[in-house]
């Protein structure tokens, strides 16, 4: 019997590590090819890693909650053949071949999703969220001393001035590159540690307290929010929109669809089309930030992210190539991906390459909110509750007349580093004009 080391394969463009969420096998288990071995949570999705070979598990590497590196050993197996499946040393697999990926921009923002198939390993199966039952996390091991650290000269100088050892940091940039934000976050964490200890002492644990560790999707959401907070300088602009004409037109369309036995449309595909009017006049809003090069990358393709609430937390799925889809096609794709999110069946490509995000609380939309920009995007639109409100208009002869109109507030947050206030406001007014004259949405 020969031993075979199965290494964590490439599991997504720009992904260099993942949290071990749940082991599905243990030492001594006999496994067959393609049998699920482990669930790994990246910053994009939970990936179920299958076995590439038939054999017996000798040992698993890493505990639930620990971080596994891409191309790091996950499972040691005994296999029947004495010949290893690759050209590595006898009894060991060679490092996993990189996935064949399209040329990419930082933070996985290329136009097309990267294929997951490698030369010797089957593509991982992807779920949209992590399971609820997970063990306590252990901190990831520090970087090996002496390893080569990817960082720009500016980042190295900053780290030197602040007394930070770059080798001790896990970089959030492409390929594990240490960013300036990683250095600053490390310094802030050290500053806040005494305060956290003091706060803990001021509020001692009592009977009945419940500790909720960050795991899986919740941990991924926290990481994403910290990244946005580290990079984005936000401002939010709020304005109301008269939705009377849109509601009436949507009602007529849905009546016709119902008679034909077809699915009705929500407001979201209409809002998606209205955003296209804003992007045509203000294209810089459909963009992502390349933090390493400090460059705004204005995207030609419009890939809209939509926030979906699941039992494990918020998931943002992405509808691709919106500018070339009809309202019905957009609505169908939103419905399909929302259903997949609720059932934890989203594929990795469903979560990648967003250029702008829409967030809505539906019937709980409230008056207005300050949505958090989904970095590296530069803007996000919040949709709020549609309400009938009293209005005052000026009729013939300048006489004031009371009435009732249907209104909805829209709140748009922007990255103020690259989007000026007057541009953000003008963009939102362009979107509102399209929603208040919804026949324009059908012309596209």
Protein backbone atom coordinates (compact mmCIF):
# COMPACT_ATOMS: atom_id res chain seq x y z
CA UNK A 1 0.00 0.00 0.00
CA UNK A 2 1.28 3.47 -0.91
CA UNK A 3 0.54 6.71 0.86
CA UNK A 4 -0.99 9.62 -1.03
CA UNK A 5 -1.17 13.21 0.25
CA UNK A 6 -4.27 14.98 -1.05
CA UNK A 7 -3.72 18.73 -1.14
CA UNK A 8 -6.34 21.49 -1.06
CA UNK A 9 -6.90 22.36 -4.74
CA UNK A 10 -7.49 25.80 -6.23
CA UNK A 11 -11.04 26.61 -5.15
CA UNK A 12 -11.62 29.95 -6.78
CA UNK A 13 -9.90 32.87 -8.41
CA UNK A 14 -7.91 34.81 -5.84
CA UNK A 15 -8.68 32.30 -3.05
CA UNK A 16 -5.50 31.26 -1.18
CA UNK A 17 -6.99 29.70 1.95
CA UNK A 18 -10.20 28.47 3.53
CA UNK A 19 -11.58 27.68 6.97
CA UNK A 20 -12.18 23.99 7.69
CA UNK A 21 -15.87 23.99 8.54
CA UNK A 22 -16.63 20.27 8.94
CA UNK A 23 -14.77 17.03 8.44
CA UNK A 24 -16.90 14.40 6.72
CA UNK A 25 -14.38 11.57 7.22
CA UNK A 26 -11.97 10.45 9.95
CA UNK A 27 -8.86 8.30 10.23
CA UNK A 28 -9.64 4.68 9.36
CA UNK A 29 -12.53 5.45 7.00
CA UNK A 30 -12.58 3.77 3.60
CA UNK A 31 -13.50 6.29 0.90
CA UNK A 32 -14.33 6.02 -2.77
CA UNK A 33 -13.49 8.43 -5.57
CA UNK A 34 -15.59 11.64 -5.46
CA UNK A 35 -16.78 10.94 -1.90
CA UNK A 36 -17.04 14.23 0.08
CA UNK A 37 -14.12 14.61 2.48
CA UNK A 38 -14.43 18.05 4.06
CA UNK A 39 -16.33 21.33 3.87
CA UNK A 40 -14.10 24.39 3.49
CA UNK A 41 -15.33 27.97 3.81
CA UNK A 42 -13.69 30.61 1.63
CA UNK A 43 -14.60 34.28 1.57
CA UNK A 44 -16.99 33.48 -1.29
CA UNK A 45 -18.74 30.17 -0.48
CA UNK A 46 -18.62 26.88 1.37
CA UNK A 47 -16.89 24.28 -0.80
CA UNK A 48 -17.33 20.54 -0.38
CA UNK A 49 -14.01 18.92 -1.33
CA UNK A 50 -14.34 15.39 -2.82
CA UNK A 51 -11.77 12.60 -2.72
CA UNK A 52 -9.71 12.22 -5.91
CA UNK A 53 -8.95 8.54 -5.20
CA UNK A 54 -10.31 5.41 -3.62
CA UNK A 55 -8.46 4.45 -0.45
CA UNK A 56 -8.25 4.51 3.34
CA UNK A 57 -7.90 7.69 5.39
CA UNK A 58 -4.69 7.58 7.44
CA UNK A 59 -5.10 11.04 8.97
CA UNK A 60 -6.76 14.38 8.38
CA UNK A 61 -4.74 17.60 8.62
CA UNK A 62 -6.24 20.49 10.55
CA UNK A 63 -9.11 20.81 12.99
CA UNK A 64 -12.52 22.30 12.33
CA UNK A 65 -12.20 26.08 12.59
CA UNK A 66 -8.55 26.13 11.48
CA UNK A 67 -7.38 27.65 8.19
CA UNK A 68 -6.16 25.41 5.37
CA UNK A 69 -3.89 26.83 2.67
CA UNK A 70 -4.42 26.11 -1.03
CA UNK A 71 -1.90 23.38 -2.06
CA UNK A 72 -1.46 22.42 1.60
CA UNK A 73 -2.04 18.79 2.62
CA UNK A 74 -5.61 18.04 3.70
CA UNK A 75 -5.78 14.25 3.91
CA UNK A 76 -3.19 11.46 3.96
CA UNK A 77 -4.56 8.27 2.41
CA UNK A 78 -3.47 4.70 1.75
CA UNK A 79 -4.16 3.73 -1.83
CA UNK A 80 -4.00 0.35 -3.48
CA UNK A 81 -1.54 1.23 -6.22
CA UNK A 82 2.13 1.60 -5.39
CA UNK A 83 2.42 4.20 -8.16
CA UNK A 84 1.52 7.71 -7.09
CA UNK A 85 -0.96 9.53 -9.32
CA UNK A 86 1.44 12.39 -10.08
CA UNK A 87 5.15 12.88 -10.65
CA UNK A 88 6.01 13.88 -7.08
CA UNK A 89 8.20 11.93 -4.65
CA UNK A 90 7.29 8.28 -4.10
CA UNK A 91 4.22 7.89 -1.92
CA UNK A 92 3.30 11.59 -2.13
CA UNK A 93 1.31 13.64 -4.58
CA UNK A 94 3.00 16.55 -6.30
CA UNK A 95 1.57 19.97 -5.48
CA UNK A 96 -1.81 20.48 -7.05
CA UNK A 97 -1.70 22.03 -10.49
CA UNK A 98 -3.17 25.52 -10.63
CA UNK A 99 -6.64 25.79 -12.07
CA UNK A 100 -6.87 27.13 -15.60
CA UNK A 101 -8.17 30.64 -15.00
CA UNK A 102 -8.93 33.63 -17.12
CA UNK A 103 -6.67 36.68 -16.71
CA UNK A 104 -7.94 38.34 -13.58
CA UNK A 105 -8.22 41.63 -11.81
CA UNK A 106 -7.60 41.79 -8.07
CA UNK A 107 -10.35 40.56 -5.74
CA UNK A 108 -11.81 38.15 -8.31
CA UNK A 109 -13.40 40.72 -10.54
CA UNK A 110 -12.62 39.33 -14.00
CA UNK A 111 -15.44 39.01 -16.48
CA UNK A 112 -15.84 35.23 -16.41
CA UNK A 113 -15.63 32.74 -13.52
CA UNK A 114 -12.52 30.58 -13.31
CA UNK A 115 -12.95 26.86 -14.02
CA UNK A 116 -12.27 24.68 -10.97
CA UNK A 117 -11.06 21.50 -12.70
CA UNK A 118 -7.42 20.56 -12.14
CA UNK A 119 -5.35 17.90 -13.84
CA UNK A 120 -5.71 15.25 -11.14
CA UNK A 121 -8.46 16.50 -8.85
CA UNK A 122 -12.20 16.77 -9.47
CA UNK A 123 -13.82 20.16 -9.19
CA UNK A 124 -15.11 20.95 -5.69
CA UNK A 125 -18.84 20.96 -5.11
CA UNK A 126 -20.05 24.30 -3.78
CA UNK A 127 -22.79 25.25 -1.38
CA UNK A 128 -23.95 28.79 -0.66
CA UNK A 129 -23.57 28.75 3.12
CA UNK A 130 -21.93 26.82 5.90
CA UNK A 131 -23.72 24.23 8.10
CA UNK A 132 -24.92 25.49 11.46
CA UNK A 133 -23.22 22.75 13.51
CA UNK A 134 -19.51 23.55 13.77
CA UNK A 135 -16.83 23.17 16.42
CA UNK A 136 -14.91 25.99 18.05
CA UNK A 137 -12.33 27.65 15.84
CA UNK A 138 -8.62 27.60 16.56
CA UNK A 139 -6.43 30.46 15.40
CA UNK A 140 -4.52 29.89 12.21
CA UNK A 141 -0.80 29.26 12.53
CA UNK A 142 1.48 32.22 11.88
CA UNK A 143 3.39 32.38 8.64
CA UNK A 144 6.57 30.32 8.46
CA UNK A 145 9.61 32.35 9.42
CA UNK A 146 11.81 33.22 6.49
CA UNK A 147 9.20 32.65 3.80
CA UNK A 148 8.98 35.13 0.96
CA UNK A 149 6.31 37.76 1.70
CA UNK A 150 4.47 39.42 -1.17
CA UNK A 151 4.17 43.16 -0.50
CA UNK A 152 4.89 46.45 -2.23
CA UNK A 153 7.78 48.68 -1.12
CA UNK A 154 5.26 51.14 0.33
CA UNK A 155 3.69 48.39 2.44
CA UNK A 156 7.12 47.17 3.58
CA UNK A 157 8.16 50.68 4.60
CA UNK A 158 4.91 51.18 6.53
CA UNK A 159 5.36 47.84 8.31
CA UNK A 160 8.95 48.74 9.21
CA UNK A 161 7.91 52.13 10.61
CA UNK A 162 5.11 50.55 12.67
CA UNK A 163 7.25 47.63 13.87
CA UNK A 164 5.11 44.96 12.19
CA UNK A 165 6.62 41.65 11.03
CA UNK A 166 5.12 41.07 7.57
CA UNK A 167 5.83 37.34 7.81
CA UNK A 168 3.38 37.11 10.72
CA UNK A 169 0.45 38.45 8.65
CA UNK A 170 -1.96 36.64 6.34
CA UNK A 171 -2.28 38.86 3.28
CA UNK A 172 -5.73 39.60 1.85
CA UNK A 173 -4.41 40.64 -1.56
CA UNK A 174 -4.19 38.51 -4.67
CA UNK A 175 -1.94 35.49 -4.17
CA UNK A 176 -1.65 36.21 -0.44
CA UNK A 177 -0.07 39.64 -0.96
CA UNK A 178 0.09 41.68 2.24
CA UNK A 179 -1.74 44.98 1.78
CA UNK A 180 -1.38 48.28 3.63
CA UNK A 181 -4.81 47.64 5.13
CA UNK A 182 -3.56 44.33 6.58
CA UNK A 183 -0.73 46.14 8.36
CA UNK A 184 -3.07 48.84 9.71
CA UNK A 185 -5.64 46.24 10.82
CA UNK A 186 -2.89 44.38 12.71
CA UNK A 187 -1.79 47.55 14.47
CA UNK A 188 -5.38 48.48 15.39
CA UNK A 189 -6.02 44.96 16.71
CA UNK A 190 -3.00 45.25 19.01
CA UNK A 191 -4.20 48.65 20.24
CA UNK A 192 -7.70 47.38 20.95
CA UNK A 193 -6.61 44.20 22.75
CA UNK A 194 -6.14 45.92 26.14
CA UNK A 195 -9.51 47.65 25.77
CA UNK A 196 -11.17 44.33 24.95
CA UNK A 197 -9.57 42.74 28.00
CA UNK A 198 -10.75 45.67 30.13
CA UNK A 199 -14.29 45.36 28.71
CA UNK A 200 -14.34 41.65 29.42
CA UNK A 201 -13.30 42.31 33.02
CA UNK A 202 -16.04 44.92 33.37
CA UNK A 203 -18.67 42.42 32.22
CA UNK A 204 -17.83 39.07 33.80
CA UNK A 205 -19.59 35.96 32.50
CA UNK A 206 -22.70 34.96 34.41
CA UNK A 207 -24.94 31.93 34.36
CA UNK A 208 -27.15 31.91 31.30
CA UNK A 209 -24.72 33.82 29.06
CA UNK A 210 -24.36 32.36 25.60
CA UNK A 211 -21.17 32.59 23.52
CA UNK A 212 -21.60 32.58 19.75
CA UNK A 213 -18.27 32.09 17.94
CA UNK A 214 -18.00 33.42 14.39
CA UNK A 215 -18.05 30.42 12.05
CA UNK A 216 -18.55 29.68 8.40
CA UNK A 217 -20.65 32.22 6.52
CA UNK A 218 -20.96 34.48 9.58
CA UNK A 219 -17.16 34.63 9.82
CA UNK A 220 -16.91 35.32 6.08
CA UNK A 221 -19.42 38.17 6.40
CA UNK A 222 -17.41 39.63 9.29
CA UNK A 223 -14.21 39.46 7.26
CA UNK A 224 -15.89 41.17 4.31
CA UNK A 225 -17.27 43.94 6.53
CA UNK A 226 -13.85 44.56 8.12
CA UNK A 227 -12.28 44.72 4.66
CA UNK A 228 -14.85 47.27 3.53
CA UNK A 229 -14.33 49.30 6.70
CA UNK A 230 -10.54 49.21 6.21
CA UNK A 231 -10.66 50.45 2.61
CA UNK A 232 -13.86 52.34 1.86
CA UNK A 233 -14.55 55.92 2.91
CA UNK A 234 -18.37 55.82 2.74
CA UNK A 235 -21.07 58.39 2.27
CA UNK A 236 -24.78 57.76 1.74
CA UNK A 237 -27.29 59.78 -0.27
CA UNK A 238 -31.05 59.24 0.19
CA UNK A 239 -33.91 60.37 -2.03
CA UNK A 240 -37.52 59.32 -2.57
CA UNK A 241 -39.04 57.97 -5.75
CA UNK A 242 -42.65 58.13 -6.97
CA UNK A 243 -43.44 54.47 -7.75
CA UNK A 244 -47.06 54.90 -8.83
CA UNK A 245 -46.42 54.44 -12.56
CA UNK A 246 -44.02 51.54 -11.96
CA UNK A 247 -46.47 49.72 -9.70
CA UNK A 248 -49.28 50.14 -12.22
CA UNK A 249 -47.16 48.88 -15.14
CA UNK A 250 -45.79 45.97 -13.11
CA UNK A 251 -49.36 45.04 -12.13
CA UNK A 252 -50.46 44.90 -15.78
CA UNK A 253 -47.45 42.80 -16.74
CA UNK A 254 -47.97 40.37 -13.86
CA UNK A 255 -51.68 39.99 -14.72
CA UNK A 256 -50.69 38.94 -18.24
CA UNK A 257 -48.00 36.58 -16.94
CA UNK A 258 -50.44 34.99 -14.48
CA UNK A 259 -52.95 34.31 -17.26
CA UNK A 260 -50.19 32.61 -19.22
CA UNK A 261 -49.25 30.50 -16.17
CA UNK A 262 -45.84 32.15 -15.84
CA UNK A 263 -43.96 33.51 -12.83
CA UNK A 264 -44.67 37.07 -11.73
CA UNK A 265 -41.99 39.75 -11.56
CA UNK A 266 -40.79 41.48 -8.42
CA UNK A 267 -39.62 45.10 -8.44
CA UNK A 268 -35.96 44.03 -8.57
CA UNK A 269 -35.58 43.43 -12.34
CA UNK A 270 -37.13 46.85 -13.03
CA UNK A 271 -34.68 48.46 -10.61
CA UNK A 272 -31.84 46.56 -12.28
CA UNK A 273 -32.84 48.03 -15.64
CA UNK A 274 -33.11 51.52 -14.14
CA UNK A 275 -29.53 51.20 -12.88
CA UNK A 276 -28.38 50.73 -16.47
CA UNK A 277 -29.66 54.25 -17.24
CA UNK A 278 -27.51 55.56 -14.39
CA UNK A 279 -24.43 53.61 -15.56
CA UNK A 280 -24.74 54.94 -19.11
CA UNK A 281 -24.41 58.51 -17.87
CA UNK A 282 -22.11 57.80 -14.92
CA UNK A 283 -20.08 54.67 -15.82
CA UNK A 284 -17.66 55.09 -12.89
CA UNK A 285 -20.35 53.69 -10.59
CA UNK A 286 -20.11 50.28 -12.29
CA UNK A 287 -16.53 49.73 -11.20
CA UNK A 288 -14.15 48.05 -8.76
CA UNK A 289 -11.06 49.33 -6.95
CA UNK A 290 -7.65 47.79 -7.53
CA UNK A 291 -6.17 48.60 -4.13
CA UNK A 292 -2.66 47.45 -5.00
CA UNK A 293 -2.38 49.76 -8.00
CA UNK A 294 -4.73 52.40 -6.53
CA UNK A 295 -6.71 52.31 -9.76
CA UNK A 296 -10.43 52.47 -10.43
CA UNK A 297 -11.33 49.75 -12.94
CA UNK A 298 -14.50 50.80 -14.77
CA UNK A 299 -16.28 47.64 -15.95
CA UNK A 300 -17.92 47.27 -19.33
CA UNK A 301 -20.06 44.34 -18.21
CA UNK A 302 -22.77 44.96 -15.61
CA UNK A 303 -22.87 42.16 -13.01
CA UNK A 304 -25.37 43.01 -10.28
CA UNK A 305 -25.13 41.47 -6.83
CA UNK A 306 -28.33 40.89 -4.84
CA UNK A 307 -28.32 40.30 -1.08
CA UNK A 308 -30.26 37.18 -0.06
CA UNK A 309 -31.04 36.39 3.58
CA UNK A 310 -30.44 32.72 4.45
CA UNK A 311 -30.66 30.89 7.76
CA UNK A 312 -26.86 31.13 8.02
CA UNK A 313 -26.52 34.81 7.13
CA UNK A 314 -26.50 37.19 4.20
CA UNK A 315 -25.34 35.82 0.84
CA UNK A 316 -24.77 38.05 -2.19
CA UNK A 317 -25.36 36.25 -5.49
CA UNK A 318 -24.50 37.86 -8.82
CA UNK A 319 -26.63 38.17 -11.97
CA UNK A 320 -24.19 38.45 -14.86
CA UNK A 321 -24.36 40.53 -18.05
CA UNK A 322 -27.49 42.43 -17.01
CA UNK A 323 -27.21 44.90 -19.88
CA UNK A 324 -27.95 42.10 -22.38
CA UNK A 325 -30.90 40.56 -20.51
CA UNK A 326 -34.59 41.42 -20.72
CA UNK A 327 -36.59 42.29 -17.62
CA UNK A 328 -38.11 38.79 -17.61
CA UNK A 329 -34.67 37.17 -17.99
CA UNK A 330 -33.31 39.21 -15.09
CA UNK A 331 -36.32 38.30 -12.95
CA UNK A 332 -35.95 34.61 -13.77
CA UNK A 333 -32.25 34.65 -12.90
CA UNK A 334 -32.90 36.45 -9.60
CA UNK A 335 -35.55 33.87 -8.67
CA UNK A 336 -33.27 30.96 -9.60
CA UNK A 337 -30.29 32.21 -7.61
CA UNK A 338 -32.39 33.29 -4.60
CA UNK A 339 -33.85 29.77 -4.43
CA UNK A 340 -30.36 28.26 -4.70
CA UNK A 341 -29.16 30.56 -1.88
CA UNK A 342 -31.99 29.47 0.43
CA UNK A 343 -31.24 25.80 -0.35
CA UNK A 344 -27.45 26.24 0.02
CA UNK A 345 -26.91 25.23 -3.61
CA UNK A 346 -25.17 28.28 -5.03
CA UNK A 347 -22.17 27.56 -7.22
CA UNK A 348 -18.93 29.46 -6.79
CA UNK A 349 -19.43 31.31 -10.09
CA UNK A 350 -22.79 32.58 -8.77
CA UNK A 351 -20.93 34.58 -6.10
CA UNK A 352 -18.11 36.09 -8.17
CA UNK A 353 -17.34 39.12 -10.31
CA UNK A 354 -19.99 41.56 -9.04
CA UNK A 355 -19.66 45.19 -10.15
CA UNK A 356 -22.51 46.81 -8.16
CA UNK A 357 -24.83 45.52 -5.42
CA UNK A 358 -28.55 45.97 -4.61
CA UNK A 359 -29.75 45.27 -1.09
CA UNK A 360 -33.38 45.11 0.04
CA UNK A 361 -35.16 44.10 3.22
CA UNK A 362 -38.41 43.60 1.31
CA UNK A 363 -41.49 44.28 3.44
CA UNK A 364 -39.19 45.22 6.33
CA UNK A 365 -37.44 47.84 4.21
CA UNK A 366 -37.93 50.66 6.70
CA UNK A 367 -37.55 54.39 6.04
CA UNK A 368 -33.91 54.38 4.93
CA UNK A 369 -30.57 52.79 5.82
CA UNK A 370 -26.86 53.27 5.15
CA UNK A 371 -25.84 50.17 3.15
CA UNK A 372 -22.22 49.02 3.42
CA UNK A 373 -20.32 49.13 0.12
CA UNK A 374 -19.35 45.62 -0.99
CA UNK A 375 -15.61 46.14 -1.50
CA UNK A 376 -13.94 46.24 -4.05
CA UNK A 377 -17.12 47.67 -5.62
CA UNK A 378 -17.59 51.42 -5.17
CA UNK A 379 -21.36 51.74 -4.65
CA UNK A 380 -24.43 49.90 -3.35
CA UNK A 381 -28.16 50.70 -3.64
CA UNK A 382 -30.57 50.15 -0.76
CA UNK A 383 -34.26 49.70 -1.56
CA UNK A 384 -36.91 50.51 1.02
CA UNK A 385 -40.59 50.02 1.70
CA UNK A 386 -43.17 51.37 -0.76
CA UNK A 387 -45.76 53.45 1.11
CA UNK A 388 -48.77 55.59 0.30
CA UNK A 389 -48.06 59.09 1.56
CA UNK A 390 -49.98 62.37 1.62
CA UNK A 391 -48.77 64.81 -1.01
CA UNK A 392 -49.24 68.48 -1.76
CA UNK A 393 -49.34 69.59 -5.40
CA UNK A 394 -50.06 72.93 -7.04
CA UNK A 395 -53.02 72.82 -9.40
CA UNK A 396 -54.49 75.31 -11.84
CA UNK A 397 -54.15 78.90 -10.75
CA UNK A 398 -51.48 77.96 -8.24
CA UNK A 399 -53.97 76.41 -5.84
CA UNK A 400 -52.50 73.85 -3.45
CA UNK A 401 -54.16 70.42 -3.59
CA UNK A 402 -53.85 67.53 -1.16
CA UNK A 403 -53.53 64.00 -2.51
CA UNK A 404 -52.06 60.55 -1.91
CA UNK A 405 -49.08 59.14 -3.81
CA UNK A 406 -46.98 55.99 -3.66
CA UNK A 407 -43.39 56.63 -2.58
CA UNK A 408 -40.23 54.60 -1.97
CA UNK A 409 -36.94 55.79 -0.51
CA UNK A 410 -33.68 54.79 -2.18
CA UNK A 411 -30.38 55.04 -0.28
CA UNK A 412 -27.14 54.76 -2.17
CA UNK A 413 -23.75 54.44 -0.45
CA UNK A 414 -20.55 55.30 -2.30
CA UNK A 415 -16.81 55.03 -1.83
CA UNK A 416 -15.96 58.71 -1.38
CA UNK A 417 -12.33 58.10 -2.38
CA UNK A 418 -13.39 57.82 -6.03
CA UNK A 419 -17.04 59.00 -6.17
CA UNK A 420 -17.74 62.66 -5.40
CA UNK A 421 -20.96 63.65 -3.66
CA UNK A 422 -22.50 65.46 -6.60
CA UNK A 423 -21.77 62.49 -8.90
CA UNK A 424 -23.37 60.04 -6.48
CA UNK A 425 -26.47 62.23 -6.15
CA UNK A 426 -26.74 62.79 -9.91
CA UNK A 427 -26.44 59.03 -10.50
CA UNK A 428 -29.28 58.26 -8.11
CA UNK A 429 -31.51 60.93 -9.69
CA UNK A 430 -30.88 59.32 -13.09
CA UNK A 431 -32.04 55.97 -11.69
CA UNK A 432 -35.11 57.60 -10.14
CA UNK A 433 -36.05 59.30 -13.43
CA UNK A 434 -36.04 55.89 -15.14
CA UNK A 435 -38.19 54.33 -12.40
CA UNK A 436 -40.70 57.20 -12.54
CA UNK A 437 -41.01 56.77 -16.34
CA UNK A 438 -40.97 52.93 -16.43
CA UNK A 439 -41.86 52.69 -20.12
CA UNK A 440 -38.22 53.65 -20.70
CA UNK A 441 -37.20 50.38 -19.08
CA UNK A 442 -39.06 48.39 -21.73
CA UNK A 443 -37.35 50.13 -24.64
CA UNK A 444 -34.06 48.40 -23.74
